[in-house]
C-alpha atoms as a PDB file:
ATOM      1  CA  UNK A   1      94.522 103.486 104.770  1.00  0.00           C
ATOM      2  CA  UNK A   2      97.782 103.758 102.862  1.00  0.00           C
ATOM      3  CA  UNK A   3      99.498 100.830 104.574  1.00  0.00           C
ATOM      4  CA  UNK A   4      96.619  98.381 104.231  1.00  0.00           C
ATOM      5  CA  UNK A   5      94.919  98.954 100.875  1.00  0.00           C
ATOM      6  CA  UNK A   6      92.582  95.937 101.090  1.00  0.00           C
ATOM      7  CA  UNK A   7      89.635  98.383 101.322  1.00  0.00           C
ATOM      8  CA  UNK A   8      90.182  99.310  97.664  1.00  0.00           C
ATOM      9  CA  UNK A   9      88.932  95.845  96.628  1.00  0.00           C
ATOM     10  CA  UNK A  10      85.458  96.844  97.844  1.00  0.00           C
ATOM     11  CA  UNK A  11      84.992  98.604  94.505  1.00  0.00           C
ATOM     12  CA  UNK A  12      86.317  95.809  92.250  1.00  0.00           C
ATOM     13  CA  UNK A  13      89.396  93.771  91.411  1.00  0.00           C
ATOM     14  CA  UNK A  14      92.600  95.754  91.740  1.00  0.00           C
ATOM     15  CA  UNK A  15      95.345  95.405  89.123  1.00  0.00           C
ATOM     16  CA  UNK A  16      97.818  97.611  91.012  1.00  0.00           C
ATOM     17  CA  UNK A  17      98.153 100.648  93.257  1.00  0.00           C
ATOM     18  CA  UNK A  18     100.608 103.541  93.342  1.00  0.00           C
ATOM     19  CA  UNK A  19     101.293 105.980  96.180  1.00  0.00           C
ATOM     20  CA  UNK A  20     102.305 109.613  95.748  1.00  0.00           C
ATOM     21  CA  UNK A  21     103.595 111.971  98.435  1.00  0.00           C
ATOM     22  CA  UNK A  22     102.412 115.585  98.142  1.00  0.00           C
ATOM     23  CA  UNK A  23     103.434 116.748 101.627  1.00  0.00           C
ATOM     24  CA  UNK A  24     100.280 117.070 103.743  1.00  0.00           C
ATOM     25  CA  UNK A  25      98.303 115.147 101.121  1.00  0.00           C
ATOM     26  CA  UNK A  26      99.027 111.526 100.322  1.00  0.00           C
ATOM     27  CA  UNK A  27      97.576 110.126  97.118  1.00  0.00           C
ATOM     28  CA  UNK A  28      96.665 106.510  96.434  1.00  0.00           C
ATOM     29  CA  UNK A  29      96.070 105.770  92.764  1.00  0.00           C
ATOM     30  CA  UNK A  30      94.142 102.539  92.161  1.00  0.00           C
ATOM     31  CA  UNK A  31      94.068 100.787  88.796  1.00  0.00           C
ATOM     32  CA  UNK A  32      91.075  98.453  88.581  1.00  0.00           C
ATOM     33  CA  UNK A  33      91.061  95.306  86.435  1.00  0.00           C
ATOM     34  CA  UNK A  34      87.915  96.056  84.439  1.00  0.00           C
ATOM     35  CA  UNK A  35      87.326  99.696  85.095  1.00  0.00           C
ATOM     36  CA  UNK A  36      88.722 103.117  85.724  1.00  0.00           C
ATOM     37  CA  UNK A  37      91.800 104.462  87.410  1.00  0.00           C
ATOM     38  CA  UNK A  38      90.773 106.184  90.652  1.00  0.00           C
ATOM     39  CA  UNK A  39      92.857 108.565  92.737  1.00  0.00           C
ATOM     40  CA  UNK A  40      92.124 108.863  96.454  1.00  0.00           C
ATOM     41  CA  UNK A  41      93.623 111.922  98.160  1.00  0.00           C
ATOM     42  CA  UNK A  42      94.159 111.526 101.918  1.00  0.00           C
ATOM     43  CA  UNK A  43      95.030 114.438 104.174  1.00  0.00           C
ATOM     44  CA  UNK A  44      97.732 113.626 106.715  1.00  0.00           C
ATOM     45  CA  UNK A  45      96.805 115.284 110.013  1.00  0.00           C
END
């Protein structure tokens, strides 16, 4: 889900994305063109 972020476009046009590494949790921050900034937290197992 972090390598291929095409799924984020399901919720609207994406301006940009940013990844953050928090150890066991990986965060994908999505900035939408005409909407909010959404952070998805993914647990690495």
